[in-house]
Structures are given as structure tokens and as C-alpha cells.
C-alpha atoms as a PDB file:
ATOM      1  CA  MET A   1      99.445  43.606 102.370  1.00  0.00           C
ATOM      2  CA  GLY A   2     100.428  39.650 102.881  1.00  0.00           C
ATOM      3  CA  ARG A   3     103.469  40.816 105.214  1.00  0.00           C
ATOM      4  CA  TRP A   4     101.616  42.946 107.511  1.00  0.00           C
ATOM      5  CA  SER A   5      98.761  40.441 107.636  1.00  0.00           C
ATOM      6  CA  ARG A   6     101.180  37.918 109.120  1.00  0.00           C
ATOM      7  CA  ARG A   7     102.172  40.618 111.103  1.00  0.00           C
ATOM      8  CA  LEU A   8      99.136  41.729 112.789  1.00  0.00           C
ATOM      9  CA  ALA A   9      97.877  37.885 113.260  1.00  0.00           C
ATOM     10  CA  GLU A  10      99.755  37.827 116.342  1.00  0.00           C
ATOM     11  CA  PRO A  11      98.444  40.232 118.250  1.00  0.00           C
ATOM     12  CA  PHE A  12      94.842  40.148 116.683  1.00  0.00           C
ATOM     13  CA  LEU A  13      95.046  36.233 118.068  1.00  0.00           C
ATOM     14  CA  ASP A  14      96.098  37.407 121.831  1.00  0.00           C
ATOM     15  CA  PHE A  15      92.851  39.177 121.686  1.00  0.00           C
ATOM     16  CA  VAL A  16      90.552  36.877 120.385  1.00  0.00           C
ATOM     17  CA  GLY A  17      91.818  33.466 121.462  1.00  0.00           C
ATOM     18  CA  ALA A  18      92.428  30.803 120.299  1.00  0.00           C
ATOM     19  CA  ALA A  19      91.698  26.849 121.408  1.00  0.00           C
ATOM     20  CA  ASP A  20      92.894  23.102 120.736  1.00  0.00           C
ATOM     21  CA  ASP A  21      90.325  20.871 119.193  1.00  0.00           C
ATOM     22  CA  GLU A  22      88.314  24.338 117.582  1.00  0.00           C
ATOM     23  CA  ARG A  23      86.720  24.752 114.342  1.00  0.00           C
ATOM     24  CA  VAL A  24      87.679  27.858 113.308  1.00  0.00           C
ATOM     25  CA  LEU A  25      86.162  29.904 109.659  1.00  0.00           C
ATOM     26  CA  ASP A  26      88.917  32.703 108.428  1.00  0.00           C
ATOM     27  CA  ILE A  27      87.178  35.168 106.422  1.00  0.00           C
ATOM     28  CA  GLY A  28      88.776  37.205 103.801  1.00  0.00           C
ATOM     29  CA  CYS A  29      92.223  34.821 104.446  1.00  0.00           C
ATOM     30  CA  GLY A  30      94.235  36.224 101.901  1.00  0.00           C
ATOM     31  CA  THR A  31      97.026  34.194 101.129  1.00  0.00           C
ATOM     32  CA  GLY A  32      96.359  31.944 104.374  1.00  0.00           C
ATOM     33  CA  CYS A  33      98.569  34.169 106.928  1.00  0.00           C
ATOM     34  CA  LEU A  34      96.059  33.784 109.899  1.00  0.00           C
ATOM     35  CA  ALA A  35      95.147  30.280 109.070  1.00  0.00           C
ATOM     36  CA  LEU A  36      99.455  29.497 109.477  1.00  0.00           C
ATOM     37  CA  ALA A  37      99.475  31.563 112.807  1.00  0.00           C
ATOM     38  CA  LEU A  38      96.696  29.568 114.311  1.00  0.00           C
ATOM     39  CA  LEU A  39      97.941  26.227 113.094  1.00  0.00           C
ATOM     40  CA  ASP A  40     101.116  27.402 114.744  1.00  0.00           C
ATOM     41  CA  ARG A  41      99.569  28.323 117.603  1.00  0.00           C
ATOM     42  CA  CYS A  42      97.398  25.304 118.849  1.00  0.00           C
ATOM     43  CA  ARG A  43      96.187  22.445 117.870  1.00  0.00           C
ATOM     44  CA  VAL A  44      92.753  23.411 116.079  1.00  0.00           C
ATOM     45  CA  GLN A  45      90.716  20.839 114.785  1.00  0.00           C
ATOM     46  CA  GLN A  46      89.783  23.214 111.578  1.00  0.00           C
ATOM     47  CA  VAL A  47      90.532  26.002 110.034  1.00  0.00           C
ATOM     48  CA  CYS A  48      88.687  26.806 107.063  1.00  0.00           C
ATOM     49  CA  GLY A  49      89.616  29.975 104.932  1.00  0.00           C
ATOM     50  CA  VAL A  50      87.454  31.997 102.690  1.00  0.00           C
ATOM     51  CA  ASP A  51      88.297  34.815 100.040  1.00  0.00           C
ATOM     52  CA  VAL A  52      86.566  36.364  97.106  1.00  0.00           C
ATOM     53  CA  SER A  53      89.819  35.702  95.119  1.00  0.00           C
ATOM     54  CA  PRO A  54      90.755  32.548  93.287  1.00  0.00           C
ATOM     55  CA  ALA A  55      94.328  33.511  93.081  1.00  0.00           C
ATOM     56  CA  TYR A  56      94.442  34.327  96.847  1.00  0.00           C
ATOM     57  CA  ILE A  57      92.904  30.736  97.328  1.00  0.00           C
ATOM     58  CA  GLU A  58      95.144  28.983  95.015  1.00  0.00           C
ATOM     59  CA  TYR A  59      98.234  30.465  97.018  1.00  0.00           C
ATOM     60  CA  ALA A  60      97.049  29.561 100.134  1.00  0.00           C
ATOM     61  CA  ARG A  61      96.480  26.048  99.123  1.00  0.00           C
ATOM     62  CA  ARG A  62      99.948  25.838  98.040  1.00  0.00           C
ATOM     63  CA  ARG A  63     101.449  27.610 100.969  1.00  0.00           C
ATOM     64  CA  VAL A  64      99.250  25.696 103.635  1.00  0.00           C
ATOM     65  CA  ARG A  65     100.240  21.913 103.579  1.00  0.00           C
ATOM     66  CA  ASP A  66      98.796  21.351 107.165  1.00  0.00           C
ATOM     67  CA  PRO A  67      95.395  18.693 106.479  1.00  0.00           C
ATOM     68  CA  ARG A  68      93.872  20.731 109.231  1.00  0.00           C
ATOM     69  CA  ALA A  69      93.398  23.568 106.616  1.00  0.00           C
ATOM     70  CA  SER A  70      91.168  24.239 103.661  1.00  0.00           C
ATOM     71  CA  PHE A  71      90.691  26.863 101.501  1.00  0.00           C
ATOM     72  CA  GLU A  72      87.425  27.544  99.438  1.00  0.00           C
ATOM     73  CA  VAL A  73      86.635  30.469  96.785  1.00  0.00           C
ATOM     74  CA  GLY A  74      83.306  32.595  98.524  1.00  0.00           C
ATOM     75  CA  ASP A  75      81.486  35.545  99.042  1.00  0.00           C
ATOM     76  CA  ALA A  76      81.671  36.893 102.825  1.00  0.00           C
ATOM     77  CA  CYS A  77      78.213  37.881 102.018  1.00  0.00           C
ATOM     78  CA  ALA A  78      76.683  34.704 101.127  1.00  0.00           C
ATOM     79  CA  LEU A  79      79.006  31.866 102.750  1.00  0.00           C
ATOM     80  CA  ALA A  80      78.517  28.058 101.814  1.00  0.00           C
ATOM     81  CA  VAL A  81      78.357  27.047 105.385  1.00  0.00           C
ATOM     82  CA  PRO A  82      75.562  25.621 107.343  1.00  0.00           C
ATOM     83  CA  ASP A  83      74.338  27.413 110.221  1.00  0.00           C
ATOM     84  CA  ARG A  84      76.215  27.148 113.754  1.00  0.00           C
ATOM     85  CA  SER A  85      79.099  25.124 112.309  1.00  0.00           C
ATOM     86  CA  PHE A  86      82.220  27.070 113.896  1.00  0.00           C
ATOM     87  CA  ASP A  87      83.753  28.011 117.329  1.00  0.00           C
ATOM     88  CA  ARG A  88      85.019  30.737 116.562  1.00  0.00           C
ATOM     89  CA  VAL A  89      84.688  33.321 113.646  1.00  0.00           C
ATOM     90  CA  LEU A  90      87.444  35.694 112.276  1.00  0.00           C
ATOM     91  CA  ALA A  91      87.690  38.392 109.617  1.00  0.00           C
ATOM     92  CA  LEU A  92      91.234  40.088 109.765  1.00  0.00           C
ATOM     93  CA  LEU A  93      91.715  43.271 107.278  1.00  0.00           C
ATOM     94  CA  VAL A  94      88.883  42.229 105.119  1.00  0.00           C
ATOM     95  CA  LEU A  95      85.430  43.892 106.499  1.00  0.00           C
ATOM     96  CA  HIS A  96      86.713  47.230 105.265  1.00  0.00           C
ATOM     97  CA  PHE A  97      86.775  46.394 101.884  1.00  0.00           C
ATOM     98  CA  VAL A  98      82.870  44.678 101.799  1.00  0.00           C
ATOM     99  CA  PRO A  99      80.532  46.803 100.276  1.00  0.00           C
ATOM    100  CA  GLN A 100      77.560  45.332 102.459  1.00  0.00           C
ATOM    101  CA  ALA A 101      79.596  44.631 105.627  1.00  0.00           C
ATOM    102  CA  ASP A 102      76.342  44.600 107.371  1.00  0.00           C
ATOM    103  CA  LYS A 103      75.495  41.397 105.704  1.00  0.00           C
ATOM    104  CA  ALA A 104      78.866  39.881 106.284  1.00  0.00           C
ATOM    105  CA  ILE A 105      78.758  40.465 110.118  1.00  0.00           C
ATOM    106  CA  ALA A 106      75.019  38.601 109.519  1.00  0.00           C
ATOM    107  CA  GLU A 107      76.897  35.722 107.764  1.00  0.00           C
ATOM    108  CA  MET A 108      79.315  35.586 110.711  1.00  0.00           C
ATOM    109  CA  ARG A 109      76.849  35.222 113.300  1.00  0.00           C
ATOM    110  CA  ARG A 110      74.728  32.818 111.369  1.00  0.00           C
ATOM    111  CA  VAL A 111      77.817  30.183 111.139  1.00  0.00           C
ATOM    112  CA  ALA A 112      79.149  30.714 114.468  1.00  0.00           C
ATOM    113  CA  ARG A 113      77.737  28.228 117.272  1.00  0.00           C
ATOM    114  CA  PRO A 114      76.255  29.175 120.405  1.00  0.00           C
ATOM    115  CA  GLY A 115      78.960  30.550 123.084  1.00  0.00           C
ATOM    116  CA  ALA A 116      81.662  31.128 119.718  1.00  0.00           C
ATOM    117  CA  VAL A 117      83.963  34.003 119.685  1.00  0.00           C
ATOM    118  CA  VAL A 118      83.250  36.185 116.855  1.00  0.00           C
ATOM    119  CA  ALA A 119      85.832  39.147 116.038  1.00  0.00           C
ATOM    120  CA  ALA A 120      87.552  41.158 113.194  1.00  0.00           C
ATOM    121  CA  ALA A 121      90.086  43.598 112.792  1.00  0.00           C
ATOM    122  CA  VAL A 122      90.422  46.373 110.207  1.00  0.00           C
ATOM    123  CA  TRP A 123      93.223  49.394 109.710  1.00  0.00           C
ATOM    124  CA  ASP A 124      92.497  53.049 111.482  1.00  0.00           C
ATOM    125  CA  ALA A 125      93.056  54.149 107.896  1.00  0.00           C
ATOM    126  CA  ARG A 126      92.845  57.686 108.925  1.00  0.00           C
ATOM    127  CA  GLY A 127      94.637  57.924 112.000  1.00  0.00           C
ATOM    128  CA  GLY A 128      96.647  54.997 112.646  1.00  0.00           C
ATOM    129  CA  TYR A 129      98.348  53.858 109.437  1.00  0.00           C
ATOM    130  CA  VAL A 130     101.418  56.240 108.478  1.00  0.00           C
ATOM    131  CA  ALA A 131     102.663  54.481 105.310  1.00  0.00           C
ATOM    132  CA  ASN A 132      99.265  54.648 103.754  1.00  0.00           C
ATOM    133  CA  ARG A 133      98.723  58.579 104.913  1.00  0.00           C
ATOM    134  CA  ILE A 134     102.370  58.996 103.515  1.00  0.00           C
ATOM    135  CA  PHE A 135     101.360  57.973  99.982  1.00  0.00           C
ATOM    136  CA  PHE A 136      97.799  59.550  99.723  1.00  0.00           C
ATOM    137  CA  ASP A 137      98.288  62.721 101.592  1.00  0.00           C
ATOM    138  CA  THR A 138     101.232  63.486  98.948  1.00  0.00           C
ATOM    139  CA  ALA A 139      99.271  62.144  96.218  1.00  0.00           C
ATOM    140  CA  ALA A 140      96.205  64.154  96.996  1.00  0.00           C
ATOM    141  CA  ALA A 141      98.178  67.454  97.179  1.00  0.00           C
ATOM    142  CA  LEU A 142      98.899  66.606  93.815  1.00  0.00           C
ATOM    143  CA  ASP A 143      96.011  65.485  91.590  1.00  0.00           C
ATOM    144  CA  VAL A 144      92.115  66.715  92.844  1.00  0.00           C
ATOM    145  CA  ALA A 145      91.497  63.110  91.545  1.00  0.00           C
ATOM    146  CA  ALA A 146      93.882  61.478  94.195  1.00  0.00           C
ATOM    147  CA  ASP A 147      91.892  63.475  96.806  1.00  0.00           C
ATOM    148  CA  ALA A 148      88.489  62.035  96.067  1.00  0.00           C
ATOM    149  CA  ARG A 149      90.323  58.782  96.053  1.00  0.00           C
ATOM    150  CA  ARG A 150      91.965  59.775  99.683  1.00  0.00           C
ATOM    151  CA  ALA A 151      88.721  60.774 101.056  1.00  0.00           C
ATOM    152  CA  ARG A 152      86.923  56.946  99.905  1.00  0.00           C
ATOM    153  CA  ASN A 153      89.621  55.513 101.372  1.00  0.00           C
ATOM    154  CA  TYR A 154      89.612  57.101 104.779  1.00  0.00           C
ATOM    155  CA  THR A 155      85.618  56.920 105.010  1.00  0.00           C
ATOM    156  CA  ARG A 156      85.250  53.229 104.486  1.00  0.00           C
ATOM    157  CA  PRO A 157      82.634  51.361 106.913  1.00  0.00           C
ATOM    158  CA  LEU A 158      84.128  50.416 110.002  1.00  0.00           C
ATOM    159  CA  THR A 159      87.285  52.145 110.212  1.00  0.00           C
ATOM    160  CA  ARG A 160      86.172  55.089 112.336  1.00  0.00           C
ATOM    161  CA  PRO A 161      86.014  54.862 116.628  1.00  0.00           C
ATOM    162  CA  GLY A 162      83.670  53.080 117.561  1.00  0.00           C
ATOM    163  CA  GLU A 163      82.368  51.613 114.271  1.00  0.00           C
ATOM    164  CA  LEU A 164      83.184  48.027 114.781  1.00  0.00           C
ATOM    165  CA  GLY A 165      81.819  47.802 118.241  1.00  0.00           C
ATOM    166  CA  ASN A 166      78.454  49.194 117.203  1.00  0.00           C
ATOM    167  CA  ALA A 167      78.385  46.962 114.096  1.00  0.00           C
ATOM    168  CA  TRP A 168      78.793  44.096 116.831  1.00  0.00           C
ATOM    169  CA  ARG A 169      76.322  45.189 119.341  1.00  0.00           C
ATOM    170  CA  ALA A 170      73.898  45.965 116.755  1.00  0.00           C
ATOM    171  CA  ALA A 171      74.281  42.280 115.332  1.00  0.00           C
ATOM    172  CA  GLY A 172      73.587  41.025 118.405  1.00  0.00           C
ATOM    173  CA  PHE A 173      76.833  39.981 119.766  1.00  0.00           C
ATOM    174  CA  ALA A 174      77.222  39.478 123.847  1.00  0.00           C
ATOM    175  CA  ASN A 175      80.573  40.933 125.772  1.00  0.00           C
ATOM    176  CA  VAL A 176      81.504  42.789 123.000  1.00  0.00           C
ATOM    177  CA  VAL A 177      85.063  44.129 123.422  1.00  0.00           C
ATOM    178  CA  GLU A 178      86.705  46.600 121.617  1.00  0.00           C
ATOM    179  CA  THR A 179      90.565  47.455 121.268  1.00  0.00           C
ATOM    180  CA  THR A 180      93.550  48.905 119.293  1.00  0.00           C
ATOM    181  CA  LEU A 181      95.960  46.643 117.866  1.00  0.00           C
ATOM    182  CA  SER A 182      99.633  48.037 116.973  1.00  0.00           C
ATOM    183  CA  ILE A 183     102.193  46.952 114.583  1.00  0.00           C
ATOM    184  CA  ARG A 184     105.159  48.327 112.905  1.00  0.00           C
ATOM    185  CA  MET A 185     105.767  48.517 109.257  1.00  0.00           C
ATOM    186  CA  ASN A 186     109.530  48.187 108.275  1.00  0.00           C
ATOM    187  CA  PHE A 187     110.751  48.941 104.889  1.00  0.00           C
ATOM    188  CA  ALA A 188     114.469  48.507 104.023  1.00  0.00           C
ATOM    189  CA  SER A 189     114.220  51.367 101.105  1.00  0.00           C
ATOM    190  CA  PHE A 190     112.078  53.463  99.232  1.00  0.00           C
ATOM    191  CA  ASP A 191     111.958  51.041  96.660  1.00  0.00           C
ATOM    192  CA  ASP A 192     110.641  48.309  99.434  1.00  0.00           C
ATOM    193  CA  TYR A 193     107.921  50.982 100.239  1.00  0.00           C
ATOM    194  CA  TRP A 194     107.112  51.883  96.654  1.00  0.00           C
ATOM    195  CA  SER A 195     106.988  48.893  94.449  1.00  0.00           C
ATOM    196  CA  PRO A 196     103.375  47.197  95.773  1.00  0.00           C
ATOM    197  CA  PHE A 197     102.280  50.266  94.396  1.00  0.00           C
ATOM    198  CA  GLU A 198     102.976  49.302  90.927  1.00  0.00           C
ATOM    199  CA  GLY A 199     101.241  46.265  91.450  1.00  0.00           C
ATOM    200  CA  LYS A 200      97.536  45.150  90.655  1.00  0.00           C
ATOM    201  CA  ASP A 201      96.369  45.185  94.435  1.00  0.00           C
ATOM    202  CA  GLY A 202      95.036  47.963  96.806  1.00  0.00           C
ATOM    203  CA  PRO A 203      93.900  51.274  96.454  1.00  0.00           C
ATOM    204  CA  GLN A 204      97.323  52.702  95.908  1.00  0.00           C
ATOM    205  CA  ALA A 205      97.830  50.422  92.946  1.00  0.00           C
ATOM    206  CA  GLU A 206      94.608  51.277  91.407  1.00  0.00           C
ATOM    207  CA  TYR A 207      95.071  54.894  91.677  1.00  0.00           C
ATOM    208  CA  VAL A 208      98.669  54.645  90.264  1.00  0.00           C
ATOM    209  CA  ALA A 209      97.426  52.236  87.421  1.00  0.00           C
ATOM    210  CA  THR A 210      95.478  55.153  85.960  1.00  0.00           C
ATOM    211  CA  LEU A 211      98.379  57.791  85.632  1.00  0.00           C
ATOM    212  CA  SER A 212     100.269  58.676  82.880  1.00  0.00           C
ATOM    213  CA  GLU A 213     104.088  57.564  83.045  1.00  0.00           C
ATOM    214  CA  SER A 214     104.899  61.318  83.247  1.00  0.00           C
ATOM    215  CA  ASP A 215     102.279  61.804  86.222  1.00  0.00           C
ATOM    216  CA  ARG A 216     103.394  58.356  87.704  1.00  0.00           C
ATOM    217  CA  MET A 217     106.885  59.401  87.669  1.00  0.00           C
ATOM    218  CA  ARG A 218     105.681  62.754  88.962  1.00  0.00           C
ATOM    219  CA  LEU A 219     104.131  61.099  91.952  1.00  0.00           C
ATOM    220  CA  ARG A 220     106.867  58.487  92.997  1.00  0.00           C
ATOM    221  CA  GLU A 221     109.376  61.472  92.925  1.00  0.00           C
ATOM    222  CA  ALA A 222     107.076  63.548  95.269  1.00  0.00           C
ATOM    223  CA  VAL A 223     106.371  59.969  97.691  1.00  0.00           C
ATOM    224  CA  ARG A 224     109.952  59.523  97.792  1.00  0.00           C
ATOM    225  CA  ARG A 225     110.870  63.072  99.244  1.00  0.00           C
ATOM    226  CA  ALA A 226     108.343  62.304 102.103  1.00  0.00           C
ATOM    227  CA  TYR A 227     109.404  58.782 102.589  1.00  0.00           C
ATOM    228  CA  VAL A 228     113.264  60.017 103.110  1.00  0.00           C
ATOM    229  CA  ASP A 229     112.498  62.721 104.575  1.00  0.00           C
ATOM    230  CA  GLY A 230     115.603  65.023 104.576  1.00  0.00           C
ATOM    231  CA  GLN A 231     117.947  62.156 105.077  1.00  0.00           C
ATOM    232  CA  PRO A 232     119.468  59.661 103.057  1.00  0.00           C
ATOM    233  CA  ASP A 233     117.225  56.836 101.405  1.00  0.00           C
ATOM    234  CA  GLY A 234     117.365  53.454 103.570  1.00  0.00           C
ATOM    235  CA  PRO A 235     115.015  51.470 106.232  1.00  0.00           C
ATOM    236  CA  ARG A 236     112.277  53.152 107.403  1.00  0.00           C
ATOM    237  CA  SER A 237     109.932  51.663 110.422  1.00  0.00           C
ATOM    238  CA  PHE A 238     105.996  53.419 110.639  1.00  0.00           C
ATOM    239  CA  ALA A 239     103.759  52.944 113.197  1.00  0.00           C
ATOM    240  CA  ALA A 240     100.155  50.758 112.038  1.00  0.00           C
ATOM    241  CA  LEU A 241      97.300  50.412 114.148  1.00  0.00           C
ATOM    242  CA  ALA A 242      93.984  48.467 113.779  1.00  0.00           C
ATOM    243  CA  TRP A 243      90.693  48.454 115.305  1.00  0.00           C
ATOM    244  CA  ALA A 244      89.416  44.826 117.260  1.00  0.00           C
ATOM    245  CA  VAL A 245      86.562  43.880 118.244  1.00  0.00           C
ATOM    246  CA  LYS A 246      84.913  40.294 119.571  1.00  0.00           C
ATOM    247  CA  GLY A 247      81.818  39.311 120.821  1.00  0.00           C
ATOM    248  CA  VAL A 248      79.930  35.934 121.743  1.00  0.00           C
ATOM    249  CA  MET A 249      77.602  34.592 119.960  1.00  0.00           C
ATOM    250  CA  PRO A 250      74.359  34.605 122.135  1.00  0.00           C
ATOM    251  CA  ALA A 251      73.121  30.610 123.194  1.00  0.00           C
END
């Protein structure tokens, strides 16, 4: 997901803004993509990244050497951060993976200073994520267990139209604005597309790991046919949409 976070970070920051001398909290920072984009864009005073994964935090610390950036392991629902600490509180591609997203949003509100921008983006998994649907629609046609996983994946909290905006208004943010962000997901070949599913992270990899070798190869071949779509293997480009929202912390 890191390469798509890097690509989505730019339109996300175009939407939410960035300014010199701000303190910014990056919730679900992953490997540091959004922090790097912020540091390149303006002279922020500080970027603090928080993620539940120690491996991601270790990687981000090695990758981002700027002294203005720091990264800590932490829970989005229980941030070890004082009240009213940040000028901008951001969450890119993480809230739909948080089981109690309302608690995470409440924490984002708690640590935001009056007048701070609080913003998030999540994939439009059901209607705007072509690369994901290629995998899960194919898998669901082969296996009822995959069908159940597909249903869970496409009904995650905050991923359907209007849900982010409703959550922001319910949390009491002012000047709530919603939009859709768009990127292209480019793959060099089917192997480039498939290789993350042989890893450890993400819903697709979790499902593939449950399969026997024969079932995994059966799925791989079916997904390959969907990817090549009647043409020779090679580069493909798929649209990917994300819901985004921003609001202002009231005085």
C-alpha cells in the first residue's frame, strides 16, 4: 500500500492544506509517506507520526531523517498526546481499518487546537477501487469464504458515500467539506499486481494465506485472466478513488 499512499498524499494535501510553522499529527503514518510529502511541501515545525505497527515505525524512522519528523508506536483510539497539541491532524488510509473509528475520531478532535484542520481519507472500496475489485470479485466467484471476506471489505465503516462527512459532523467539527480524490494505480505486469497478495499485509494477503497450494494457484490463474483481460500480459493502469473529509476544530 505504500506506493499508493505516496501517490495519494499529494492530492490529499492539496485538499487539506499545509502551512509553515505548524505542528502536524499523522495518525496511521505507516512507512512515512505523508510525513515526507509534508516536509517537502512546506516548512512545518514538526510532524509526529503514530502507527500501531512497530515494523512500520522502525521503517519510517530509517527512511525519514529530517529532525522535524518523529515516529512512535501508538493506538489511534488512545493517543499518548496532550489535549490541543496540533495545528493539523491527519489520517490517510487508516480509519476504515480501525474497529472503533468513532473513538479514533474523538481522539483526533481532542488533540487538535482550536482552529486546527482535522482531515481523513479512506478508499472508496466498493465503487472506486478497481484493482481491489479484480481480486475480490474473482475470488468470490470461486469460494464462498472469499465472498464473505469481500462483503466485510466493502462494508468497512466510513467507506460508503457520506459516511466520513456524517462522522465529522457528529464529532462536532465546523466547516465540514467532503470530496473525492483520484489517482491511477499503475502495474508493470501481472506479477507486479499479484506479488503483494503473497505477503503478510492487507485483506487480500490474509485471504491468500488461508488457501492450500492448489487453491492458491487456481485463484492466481483466475485473477491473472481478469488482469490481462484478453491481451498479452504487461502494463495496466486502474483508477482508484478515495473519500476525503476535512473540518475545523471549534474554539
